[in-house]
Amino acid sequence: MNTRDLEAFLAVVEAGSIMAASMRLHLTQSGVSRRIRALEETLGATLLDRQSKPLKPTLEGMRTYEHGRRILGVLDDLKSGFSSARESRGEFRVGITPCMPEIAMGTPLDRLRTEFSNLTTSVIVGGPDMLLEKLRRGEIDVAAVCSPESVDPTLEFDGLAIGVQRLVVVAPRSAVVASPATLHHLSSFDWVLSHDGCGIRSVVSRRFEREGIALRIGIEAMSSDLRLSLVARGLGLTVVNRRAFAESPLQTRLRDVEVADFEPCISSWLVHRPPSGRLVGPIRSFKEALVSAFAAAS
């Protein structure tokens, strides 16, 4: 079996199209197609459902993909055994949820650039559901995600809990809000929250659902700074981590709200597929730096 054919197939599955895979591999689209056909002939099976958009693997293709990831990982391990950790090359793909960029995109990324100068680090920011799906598909190598305390992504992936972020409900200083408030009282307000699938929004929506209360989403905005700005303008309530609220330049126009029956918090995790070869060192370094950065920020 030609490993280049296998690499091409894995790239198509992860990228979802021949065109995207050709860009990743720096090949022509016809070159990628030839490699896929060669692999199918070698295995005697159809590996892609070519009628689907994006392209999806068949049942045989999914099994081939899973075996292929392990095979290429073993080859990476073999090659890395003859080079130092500092010689890690290629791309290290990091996913970060919006509630963690201040922590994850500072010291941890600086440490990667210092220790692995030949490694290109790319970062994508998105909700935890999207990032975990990309991790499943092999489109990213590691994900720093936030989730409700009841959700443990390490049941599916390797990784560890980084810590717990305490959250705060924030209102415009001009708003008439009881102190302490209750969820039923707060349900009369519009809310400015992240998009559906974000960890912080999940914390709020799950709590409202448990109480049988309707949650009125007025505006969706991913950035905590943008949400606080909108709240300061009187457009609703929001939830952010305490550090974002404490450091906001809009303090004079905002107030934190004590809620008698709601103490929101969110768990932070670093998760990844079992590391192999050139990624062992970068994942370990990023993990150590993220744990230290989170502890310093708490």
Protein backbone atom coordinates (compact mmCIF):
# COMPACT_ATOMS: atom_id res chain seq x y z
CA MET A 1 0.00 0.00 0.00
CA ASN A 2 1.29 3.46 -0.93
CA THR A 3 1.16 5.74 2.12
CA ARG A 4 0.78 8.80 -0.14
CA ASP A 5 -2.49 7.34 -1.40
CA LEU A 6 -3.58 6.88 2.19
CA GLU A 7 -2.59 10.46 3.06
CA ALA A 8 -4.66 11.74 0.15
CA PHE A 9 -7.72 9.77 1.27
CA LEU A 10 -7.42 11.02 4.85
CA ALA A 11 -7.10 14.60 3.60
CA VAL A 12 -10.29 14.28 1.53
CA VAL A 13 -12.26 12.86 4.47
CA GLU A 14 -11.03 15.60 6.80
CA ALA A 15 -11.40 18.47 4.33
CA GLY A 16 -14.69 17.27 2.81
CA SER A 17 -13.73 17.81 -0.83
CA ILE A 18 -11.11 16.98 -3.45
CA MET A 19 -10.40 20.70 -3.94
CA ALA A 20 -9.74 21.38 -0.24
CA ALA A 21 -7.57 18.26 0.03
CA SER A 22 -5.54 19.30 -3.02
CA MET A 23 -4.81 22.67 -1.41
CA ARG A 24 -3.75 20.99 1.82
CA LEU A 25 -1.47 18.55 0.04
CA HIS A 26 -0.23 21.02 -2.60
CA LEU A 27 -1.38 18.68 -5.38
CA THR A 28 -3.68 19.09 -8.36
CA GLN A 29 -7.24 17.87 -7.94
CA SER A 30 -6.64 15.22 -10.58
CA GLY A 31 -3.57 14.07 -8.66
CA VAL A 32 -5.62 13.63 -5.48
CA SER A 33 -8.33 11.77 -7.39
CA ARG A 34 -5.76 9.39 -8.89
CA ARG A 35 -4.40 8.58 -5.45
CA ILE A 36 -7.89 7.87 -4.10
CA ARG A 37 -8.66 5.56 -7.04
CA ALA A 38 -5.33 3.79 -6.55
CA LEU A 39 -6.13 3.16 -2.88
CA GLU A 40 -9.61 1.89 -3.76
CA GLU A 41 -8.11 -0.50 -6.31
CA THR A 42 -5.57 -1.73 -3.75
CA LEU A 43 -8.26 -2.38 -1.14
CA GLY A 44 -10.95 -3.52 -3.57
CA ALA A 45 -13.54 -1.20 -2.04
CA THR A 46 -15.34 2.08 -2.74
CA LEU A 47 -14.16 4.47 -0.05
CA LEU A 48 -16.08 7.67 -0.84
CA ASP A 49 -19.73 8.46 -1.45
CA ARG A 50 -19.14 10.73 -4.43
CA GLN A 51 -22.78 11.88 -4.55
CA SER A 52 -22.61 13.54 -1.14
CA LYS A 53 -21.55 17.15 -0.58
CA PRO A 54 -19.33 17.47 1.33
CA LEU A 55 -17.74 14.18 0.35
CA LYS A 56 -18.29 11.51 3.00
CA PRO A 57 -16.65 8.13 3.45
CA THR A 58 -18.61 4.94 2.90
CA LEU A 59 -18.74 2.36 5.69
CA GLU A 60 -15.58 0.77 4.24
CA GLY A 61 -14.09 4.24 3.90
CA MET A 62 -14.73 5.05 7.55
CA ARG A 63 -12.95 1.87 8.63
CA THR A 64 -10.08 2.71 6.29
CA TYR A 65 -9.91 6.22 7.71
CA GLU A 66 -9.68 4.95 11.30
CA HIS A 67 -6.98 2.41 10.41
CA GLY A 68 -5.19 4.99 8.25
CA ARG A 69 -4.92 7.51 11.08
CA ARG A 70 -3.30 4.86 13.27
CA ILE A 71 -0.94 3.72 10.51
CA LEU A 72 0.30 7.23 9.76
CA GLY A 73 0.59 7.91 13.48
CA VAL A 74 2.86 4.90 13.90
CA LEU A 75 5.00 6.10 11.00
CA ASP A 76 5.23 9.54 12.64
CA ASP A 77 6.34 7.86 15.86
CA LEU A 78 9.03 5.97 13.96
CA LYS A 79 10.34 9.11 12.25
CA SER A 80 10.24 11.17 15.45
CA GLY A 81 12.42 8.60 17.19
CA PHE A 82 15.34 9.79 15.03
CA SER A 83 14.93 13.52 15.63
CA SER A 84 14.82 15.79 18.64
CA ALA A 85 11.57 17.29 19.89
CA ARG A 86 12.76 20.74 18.80
CA GLU A 87 12.74 19.59 15.18
CA SER A 88 8.96 19.14 15.06
CA ARG A 89 7.78 20.48 11.74
CA GLY A 90 4.54 20.94 9.85
CA GLU A 91 1.33 22.43 11.22
CA PHE A 92 -0.06 22.31 14.74
CA ARG A 93 -3.80 23.06 14.60
CA VAL A 94 -5.38 24.47 17.76
CA GLY A 95 -9.08 25.06 18.44
CA ILE A 96 -10.12 27.52 21.16
CA THR A 97 -13.59 28.42 22.44
CA PRO A 98 -14.45 32.15 22.72
CA CYS A 99 -14.44 32.06 26.54
CA MET A 100 -10.75 31.06 26.63
CA PRO A 101 -8.81 33.18 24.09
CA GLU A 102 -7.37 35.58 26.70
CA ILE A 103 -5.80 32.59 28.47
CA ALA A 104 -5.04 30.17 25.63
CA MET A 105 -3.78 32.64 23.02
CA GLY A 106 -1.20 34.31 25.24
CA THR A 107 1.60 32.47 27.03
CA PRO A 108 0.73 28.97 25.68
CA LEU A 109 1.13 30.05 22.04
CA ASP A 110 4.23 32.09 22.83
CA ARG A 111 5.79 29.01 24.41
CA LEU A 112 5.03 26.92 21.33
CA ARG A 113 6.73 29.46 19.06
CA THR A 114 9.78 29.52 21.32
CA GLU A 115 10.19 25.76 21.81
CA PHE A 116 9.14 24.61 18.33
CA SER A 117 10.37 27.25 15.94
CA ASN A 118 9.93 24.97 12.89
CA LEU A 119 6.29 24.29 13.70
CA THR A 120 3.53 26.41 12.15
CA THR A 121 0.68 26.98 14.60
CA SER A 122 -2.80 27.76 13.27
CA VAL A 123 -5.74 28.70 15.50
CA ILE A 124 -9.48 28.46 14.94
CA VAL A 125 -12.00 29.95 17.38
CA GLY A 126 -15.44 28.38 17.67
CA GLY A 127 -18.01 26.78 19.93
CA PRO A 128 -17.16 23.53 21.76
CA ASP A 129 -19.52 21.39 19.67
CA MET A 130 -17.88 22.56 16.44
CA LEU A 131 -14.36 22.11 17.79
CA LEU A 132 -15.02 18.61 19.16
CA GLU A 133 -16.46 17.58 15.78
CA LYS A 134 -13.34 18.93 14.06
CA LEU A 135 -11.25 16.94 16.52
CA ARG A 136 -13.21 13.78 15.64
CA ARG A 137 -12.60 14.42 11.95
CA GLY A 138 -8.90 15.09 12.47
CA GLU A 139 -9.21 18.70 11.27
CA ILE A 140 -7.54 20.05 14.43
CA ASP A 141 -4.95 18.50 16.75
CA VAL A 142 -5.99 19.91 20.11
CA ALA A 143 -8.96 21.85 21.51
CA ALA A 144 -9.20 24.15 24.52
CA VAL A 145 -12.93 24.11 25.25
CA CYS A 146 -15.41 25.24 27.88
CA SER A 147 -18.47 23.21 28.79
CA PRO A 148 -21.07 22.88 31.55
CA GLU A 149 -19.70 21.03 34.58
CA SER A 150 -21.87 18.01 33.76
CA VAL A 151 -20.16 17.55 30.36
CA ASP A 152 -16.82 15.68 30.36
CA PRO A 153 -15.16 15.56 26.90
CA THR A 154 -12.35 13.33 28.25
CA LEU A 155 -14.82 10.45 28.14
CA GLU A 156 -14.25 10.54 24.38
CA PHE A 157 -10.80 12.11 23.98
CA ASP A 158 -7.48 12.22 25.79
CA GLY A 159 -6.98 15.34 27.88
CA LEU A 160 -7.53 16.89 31.26
CA ALA A 161 -9.62 19.41 33.16
CA ILE A 162 -7.87 22.80 33.29
CA GLY A 163 -10.12 24.33 35.93
CA VAL A 164 -13.44 25.99 36.61
CA GLN A 165 -14.31 29.55 35.60
CA ARG A 166 -16.77 31.36 37.84
CA LEU A 167 -19.26 33.37 35.82
CA VAL A 168 -21.24 36.47 36.65
CA VAL A 169 -24.60 37.80 35.46
CA VAL A 170 -24.18 41.38 34.23
CA ALA A 171 -26.86 44.06 33.78
CA PRO A 172 -26.84 47.72 32.74
CA ARG A 173 -26.29 49.90 35.80
CA SER A 174 -29.54 51.69 34.92
CA ALA A 175 -31.62 48.48 34.93
CA VAL A 176 -34.06 47.85 37.76
CA VAL A 177 -33.01 44.42 39.00
CA ALA A 178 -33.90 42.97 42.40
CA SER A 179 -31.00 42.12 44.73
CA PRO A 180 -30.67 39.26 45.10
CA ALA A 181 -32.56 38.38 41.92
CA THR A 182 -34.13 35.07 40.97
CA LEU A 183 -34.19 33.28 37.62
CA HIS A 184 -37.92 33.93 37.33
CA HIS A 185 -37.29 37.67 37.74
CA LEU A 186 -34.44 37.63 35.21
CA SER A 187 -36.61 35.80 32.66
CA SER A 188 -38.43 39.08 32.03
CA PHE A 189 -35.27 40.54 30.47
CA ASP A 190 -33.76 39.99 27.04
CA TRP A 191 -30.36 38.28 27.07
CA VAL A 192 -27.21 38.98 25.08
CA LEU A 193 -25.47 35.60 24.74
CA SER A 194 -23.07 33.69 22.53
CA HIS A 195 -24.31 31.63 19.60
CA ASP A 196 -26.02 28.31 20.25
CA GLY A 197 -23.44 25.65 21.07
CA CYS A 198 -21.19 27.95 23.08
CA GLY A 199 -20.31 26.66 26.55
CA ILE A 200 -21.46 29.75 28.47
CA ARG A 201 -24.79 29.88 26.64
CA SER A 202 -25.27 26.17 27.38
CA VAL A 203 -24.81 26.84 31.10
CA VAL A 204 -27.55 29.48 31.03
CA SER A 205 -29.99 27.69 28.73
CA ARG A 206 -29.74 24.37 30.62
CA ARG A 207 -30.46 26.08 33.92
CA PHE A 208 -33.49 27.89 32.50
CA GLU A 209 -34.77 24.66 30.93
CA ARG A 210 -34.41 22.84 34.25
CA GLU A 211 -36.63 25.47 35.88
CA GLY A 212 -39.12 25.40 32.98
CA ILE A 213 -38.50 29.08 32.25
CA ALA A 214 -38.31 30.61 28.78
CA LEU A 215 -34.96 32.22 27.93
CA ARG A 216 -35.39 35.31 25.75
CA ILE A 217 -32.37 35.74 23.48
CA GLY A 218 -32.28 39.32 22.25
CA ILE A 219 -28.85 39.40 20.58
CA GLU A 220 -26.24 36.75 19.78
CA ALA A 221 -22.61 37.87 20.05
CA MET A 222 -19.54 35.67 20.55
CA SER A 223 -17.07 38.16 22.08
CA SER A 224 -17.46 38.90 25.79
CA ASP A 225 -16.29 42.48 25.14
CA LEU A 226 -19.03 42.96 22.55
CA ARG A 227 -21.66 41.45 24.83
CA LEU A 228 -20.67 43.77 27.69
CA SER A 229 -20.78 46.73 25.30
CA LEU A 230 -24.31 45.83 24.20
CA VAL A 231 -25.43 45.37 27.81
CA ALA A 232 -23.94 48.76 28.73
CA ARG A 233 -26.20 50.24 26.04
CA GLY A 234 -29.23 48.76 27.79
CA LEU A 235 -29.93 45.91 25.36
CA GLY A 236 -30.25 43.12 27.91
CA LEU A 237 -28.38 40.94 30.41
CA THR A 238 -25.39 38.71 29.78
CA VAL A 239 -23.08 36.20 31.47
CA VAL A 240 -19.29 36.46 31.28
CA ASN A 241 -16.37 35.19 33.31
CA ARG A 242 -15.49 37.32 36.32
CA ARG A 243 -12.15 38.40 34.90
CA ALA A 244 -13.74 39.81 31.72
CA PHE A 245 -16.21 41.77 33.83
CA ALA A 246 -13.56 43.03 36.27
CA GLU A 247 -11.29 44.23 33.43
CA SER A 248 -14.03 45.80 31.31
CA PRO A 249 -13.53 49.55 30.61
CA LEU A 250 -17.33 49.85 30.85
CA GLN A 251 -17.44 49.21 34.61
CA THR A 252 -19.19 52.51 35.36
CA ARG A 253 -22.11 51.50 33.09
CA LEU A 254 -22.44 47.92 34.27
CA ARG A 255 -23.28 46.04 37.46
CA ASP A 256 -22.97 42.42 38.48
CA VAL A 257 -26.19 40.79 39.62
CA GLU A 258 -26.41 38.43 42.58
CA VAL A 259 -28.81 35.59 41.73
CA ALA A 260 -30.16 33.63 44.67
CA ASP A 261 -30.85 30.43 42.76
CA PHE A 262 -28.11 30.51 40.11
CA GLU A 263 -24.33 30.40 40.57
CA PRO A 264 -23.08 29.93 37.01
CA CYS A 265 -19.70 28.35 36.34
CA ILE A 266 -18.07 26.57 33.44
CA SER A 267 -15.41 23.89 33.19
CA SER A 268 -12.37 24.35 30.99
CA TRP A 269 -10.71 21.39 29.26
CA LEU A 270 -7.82 20.62 26.98
CA VAL A 271 -8.59 17.62 24.78
CA HIS A 272 -6.88 15.88 21.88
CA ARG A 273 -6.64 12.59 20.06
CA PRO A 274 -3.90 10.24 21.34
CA PRO A 275 -0.73 12.17 20.35
CA SER A 276 1.84 10.54 18.13
CA GLY A 277 5.12 11.41 16.49
CA ARG A 278 5.86 15.08 15.95
CA LEU A 279 2.85 16.25 18.02
CA VAL A 280 3.80 14.63 21.32
CA GLY A 281 6.11 17.49 22.33
CA PRO A 282 3.88 20.38 21.16
CA ILE A 283 0.79 18.97 22.86
CA ARG A 284 2.67 18.44 26.12
CA SER A 285 4.14 21.96 25.97
CA PHE A 286 0.80 23.62 25.15
CA LYS A 287 -0.90 21.66 27.92
CA GLU A 288 1.65 22.66 30.59
CA ALA A 289 1.58 26.32 29.56
CA LEU A 290 -2.24 26.42 29.48
CA VAL A 291 -2.51 24.92 32.97
CA SER A 292 -0.02 27.50 34.29
CA ALA A 293 -1.77 30.39 32.50
CA PHE A 294 -5.18 29.35 33.84
CA ALA A 295 -3.84 29.08 37.39
CA ALA A 296 -2.29 32.55 37.13
CA ALA A 297 -5.54 34.04 35.85
CA SER A 298 -7.74 32.45 38.52
